[in-house]
């Protein structure tokens, strides 16, 4: 019952802009986070009821021009989280591109967090979802693969339009240094300067998706 009260309060806050009453703070502290639990029939029913009340969840995507832009990357390969991956596919999110558009706006992200992490995901899990979305966005750029998207996101690149701003030699050189250090730290291939220049040039061609 307490979980339903908190969830209802969150939905009211999301849809009306009103703040959640402070007397729910104590309830929040007693809630067990759900991202590490398997999906349940009760959770499915509650989430479907929530989705039915929100009209923003309709997916509207832009055309994808090339196979290198990430639309066919399996969502489980991107998430590298078995439970979240299974949850994503249960809700029909099978690729990085579908994940991106499922979390394109704050409202959609609120629902996506619960699709992937259950009714009560932790703050840490919500941050992880945002990291996955940034990587999915960067995969739209031609020749950016999973490793590249990880390095770029770790370097602080927050979106494809952000990557497009690295449009001069000085900025690209600074990004190259960051990516090289991260690649060394995580044991990944180091992107070349020419690859970075190519990414920034192609990034200009992609409209913003994450808001």
Protein backbone atom coordinates (compact mmCIF):
# COMPACT_ATOMS: atom_id res chain seq x y z
CA UNK A 1 0.00 0.00 0.00
CA UNK A 2 2.82 2.40 0.86
CA UNK A 3 4.44 1.69 -2.49
CA UNK A 4 1.21 2.58 -4.30
CA UNK A 5 0.98 5.86 -2.37
CA UNK A 6 4.52 6.83 -3.30
CA UNK A 7 4.08 5.80 -6.94
CA UNK A 8 0.86 7.79 -7.21
CA UNK A 9 2.62 10.82 -5.73
CA UNK A 10 5.44 10.49 -8.24
CA UNK A 11 3.00 10.32 -11.15
CA UNK A 12 1.11 13.38 -9.90
CA UNK A 13 4.40 15.26 -9.59
CA UNK A 14 5.43 14.21 -13.07
CA UNK A 15 2.19 15.11 -14.83
CA UNK A 16 1.22 18.26 -12.92
CA UNK A 17 4.56 19.77 -11.92
CA UNK A 18 3.53 19.80 -8.24
CA UNK A 19 6.13 18.81 -5.68
CA UNK A 20 5.78 15.57 -3.77
CA UNK A 21 4.56 16.17 -0.20
CA UNK A 22 7.34 16.01 2.35
CA UNK A 23 5.47 13.46 4.50
CA UNK A 24 6.34 10.84 1.86
CA UNK A 25 10.05 11.22 2.64
CA UNK A 26 9.85 8.69 5.45
CA UNK A 27 8.01 6.25 3.21
CA UNK A 28 10.69 6.57 0.51
CA UNK A 29 13.36 5.56 2.99
CA UNK A 30 11.56 2.26 3.65
CA UNK A 31 11.14 1.26 0.00
CA UNK A 32 13.30 -1.53 -1.39
CA UNK A 33 14.69 -0.61 -4.80
CA UNK A 34 13.52 -2.89 -7.58
CA UNK A 35 16.12 -2.81 -10.37
CA UNK A 36 17.75 -6.03 -9.11
CA UNK A 37 14.46 -7.94 -8.91
CA UNK A 38 12.80 -9.99 -11.62
CA UNK A 39 9.71 -8.50 -13.24
CA UNK A 40 6.41 -9.56 -11.63
CA UNK A 41 2.82 -9.77 -12.87
CA UNK A 42 1.78 -7.09 -10.38
CA UNK A 43 4.51 -4.76 -11.62
CA UNK A 44 3.47 -5.33 -15.25
CA UNK A 45 -0.14 -4.48 -14.42
CA UNK A 46 0.78 -1.32 -12.50
CA UNK A 47 3.17 -0.10 -15.20
CA UNK A 48 0.65 -0.73 -17.99
CA UNK A 49 -1.90 1.33 -16.06
CA UNK A 50 0.60 4.16 -15.75
CA UNK A 51 1.55 4.00 -19.44
CA UNK A 52 -2.11 4.11 -20.46
CA UNK A 53 -2.50 7.47 -18.69
CA UNK A 54 0.36 9.15 -20.54
CA UNK A 55 0.12 10.26 -24.17
CA UNK A 56 3.79 11.21 -24.56
CA UNK A 57 5.03 7.64 -24.78
CA UNK A 58 4.23 7.26 -28.48
CA UNK A 59 7.54 6.64 -30.26
CA UNK A 60 8.37 9.01 -33.09
CA UNK A 61 11.75 8.38 -34.66
CA UNK A 62 13.82 10.04 -37.33
CA UNK A 63 14.99 8.11 -40.37
CA UNK A 64 18.26 6.25 -39.86
CA UNK A 65 20.61 6.62 -42.83
CA UNK A 66 23.26 3.94 -42.32
CA UNK A 67 23.75 0.65 -40.53
CA UNK A 68 26.67 2.17 -38.63
CA UNK A 69 24.43 4.53 -36.70
CA UNK A 70 23.47 2.08 -34.00
CA UNK A 71 19.88 1.24 -34.82
CA UNK A 72 20.67 -2.47 -35.00
CA UNK A 73 22.88 -2.75 -31.92
CA UNK A 74 21.20 -5.24 -29.59
CA UNK A 75 20.01 -3.45 -26.47
CA UNK A 76 21.47 -6.15 -24.22
CA UNK A 77 24.93 -5.52 -25.69
CA UNK A 78 24.54 -1.84 -24.85
CA UNK A 79 23.15 -2.26 -21.35
CA UNK A 80 25.43 -5.12 -20.23
CA UNK A 81 22.92 -5.66 -17.42
CA UNK A 82 21.03 -8.97 -17.73
CA UNK A 83 17.97 -7.96 -15.72
CA UNK A 84 17.63 -4.56 -17.41
CA UNK A 85 18.18 -6.17 -20.80
CA UNK A 86 15.43 -8.73 -20.24
CA UNK A 87 13.09 -6.01 -18.98
CA UNK A 88 13.86 -3.84 -22.03
CA UNK A 89 13.00 -6.64 -24.45
CA UNK A 90 9.85 -7.49 -22.49
CA UNK A 91 8.64 -3.94 -23.14
CA UNK A 92 9.57 -4.17 -26.83
CA UNK A 93 12.87 -2.26 -26.63
CA UNK A 94 15.23 -4.41 -28.67
CA UNK A 95 17.81 -2.01 -30.09
CA UNK A 96 19.88 0.98 -29.01
CA UNK A 97 17.81 3.22 -31.27
CA UNK A 98 14.54 2.09 -29.68
CA UNK A 99 16.04 2.68 -26.26
CA UNK A 100 17.06 6.21 -27.26
CA UNK A 101 13.58 7.24 -28.36
CA UNK A 102 11.98 5.50 -25.38
CA UNK A 103 13.89 7.92 -23.12
CA UNK A 104 14.10 11.03 -25.28
CA UNK A 105 12.24 13.39 -22.92
CA UNK A 106 12.07 13.73 -19.12
CA UNK A 107 8.60 12.16 -19.03
CA UNK A 108 9.65 9.25 -21.23
CA UNK A 109 12.77 8.77 -19.11
CA UNK A 110 10.61 8.56 -15.97
CA UNK A 111 8.71 5.67 -17.50
CA UNK A 112 11.82 4.10 -19.03
CA UNK A 113 13.51 4.01 -15.63
CA UNK A 114 10.60 1.94 -14.36
CA UNK A 115 10.48 -0.29 -17.41
CA UNK A 116 14.14 -1.17 -16.92
CA UNK A 117 14.38 -0.96 -13.13
CA UNK A 118 10.94 -1.78 -11.76
CA UNK A 119 8.51 0.45 -9.92
CA UNK A 120 11.09 1.82 -7.48
CA UNK A 121 14.52 2.19 -9.13
CA UNK A 122 17.34 3.73 -7.10
CA UNK A 123 18.90 7.10 -7.92
CA UNK A 124 22.07 5.31 -8.96
CA UNK A 125 20.09 3.22 -11.44
CA UNK A 126 18.40 6.33 -12.86
CA UNK A 127 21.86 7.81 -13.49
CA UNK A 128 22.86 4.57 -15.21
CA UNK A 129 19.82 4.80 -17.49
CA UNK A 130 20.88 8.31 -18.52
CA UNK A 131 24.38 7.01 -19.28
CA UNK A 132 22.88 4.30 -21.50
CA UNK A 133 20.77 6.89 -23.31
CA UNK A 134 23.78 9.10 -23.98
CA UNK A 135 25.62 6.11 -25.45
CA UNK A 136 22.59 5.18 -27.57
CA UNK A 137 22.47 8.75 -28.87
CA UNK A 138 26.17 8.71 -29.77
CA UNK A 139 25.71 5.42 -31.64
CA UNK A 140 23.78 7.39 -34.26
CA UNK A 141 27.09 8.84 -35.43
CA UNK A 142 28.65 6.97 -38.34
CA UNK A 143 31.37 4.49 -37.33
CA UNK A 144 30.89 5.01 -33.58
CA UNK A 145 30.76 1.54 -32.02
CA UNK A 146 29.91 0.38 -28.50
CA UNK A 147 33.43 0.96 -27.17
CA UNK A 148 33.59 4.41 -28.75
CA UNK A 149 30.23 5.41 -27.28
CA UNK A 150 31.41 4.30 -23.84
CA UNK A 151 34.62 6.31 -24.06
CA UNK A 152 32.85 9.41 -25.37
CA UNK A 153 30.22 9.29 -22.63
CA UNK A 154 32.90 8.75 -19.97
CA UNK A 155 34.77 11.75 -21.40
CA UNK A 156 31.72 13.91 -20.71
CA UNK A 157 30.18 14.08 -24.19
CA UNK A 158 26.47 14.22 -23.42
CA UNK A 159 24.85 13.99 -26.85
CA UNK A 160 25.41 13.93 -30.59
CA UNK A 161 24.96 17.74 -30.87
CA UNK A 162 27.54 18.12 -28.08
CA UNK A 163 29.98 15.99 -30.08
CA UNK A 164 29.38 18.18 -33.12
CA UNK A 165 30.75 21.17 -31.20
CA UNK A 166 34.24 19.63 -31.24
CA UNK A 167 34.67 21.12 -34.69
CA UNK A 168 38.22 22.46 -34.52
CA UNK A 169 41.67 20.93 -34.17
CA UNK A 170 42.23 22.21 -30.62
CA UNK A 171 39.00 20.74 -29.23
CA UNK A 172 39.50 17.50 -31.13
CA UNK A 173 43.06 17.18 -29.80
CA UNK A 174 41.84 17.69 -26.24
CA UNK A 175 39.15 15.06 -26.77
CA UNK A 176 41.74 12.70 -28.24
CA UNK A 177 43.84 12.99 -25.06
CA UNK A 178 40.80 12.26 -22.86
CA UNK A 179 39.73 9.28 -24.93
CA UNK A 180 43.27 7.89 -25.01
CA UNK A 181 43.57 8.01 -21.23
CA UNK A 182 40.17 6.38 -20.77
CA UNK A 183 40.92 3.71 -23.37
CA UNK A 184 44.16 2.87 -21.56
CA UNK A 185 42.32 2.74 -18.23
CA UNK A 186 39.56 0.42 -19.48
CA UNK A 187 41.67 -1.64 -21.88
CA UNK A 188 39.91 -0.51 -25.04
CA UNK A 189 41.24 0.47 -28.49
CA UNK A 190 42.29 4.12 -28.73
CA UNK A 191 40.34 6.08 -31.37
CA UNK A 192 42.55 7.90 -33.86
CA UNK A 193 42.53 11.64 -34.44
CA UNK A 194 41.08 11.10 -37.90
CA UNK A 195 38.23 9.02 -36.45
CA UNK A 196 37.38 11.77 -33.98
CA UNK A 197 37.39 14.36 -36.76
CA UNK A 198 35.09 12.13 -38.81
CA UNK A 199 32.69 11.68 -35.90
CA UNK A 200 32.41 15.40 -35.25
CA UNK A 201 31.73 16.07 -38.93
CA UNK A 202 29.00 13.44 -39.12
CA UNK A 203 27.45 14.51 -35.80
CA UNK A 204 26.43 17.79 -37.40
CA UNK A 205 23.98 15.90 -39.61
CA UNK A 206 21.91 14.50 -36.75
CA UNK A 207 19.05 16.42 -35.11
CA UNK A 208 18.82 16.46 -31.31
CA UNK A 209 16.87 13.61 -29.73
CA UNK A 210 17.63 13.78 -26.00
CA UNK A 211 15.96 16.64 -24.13
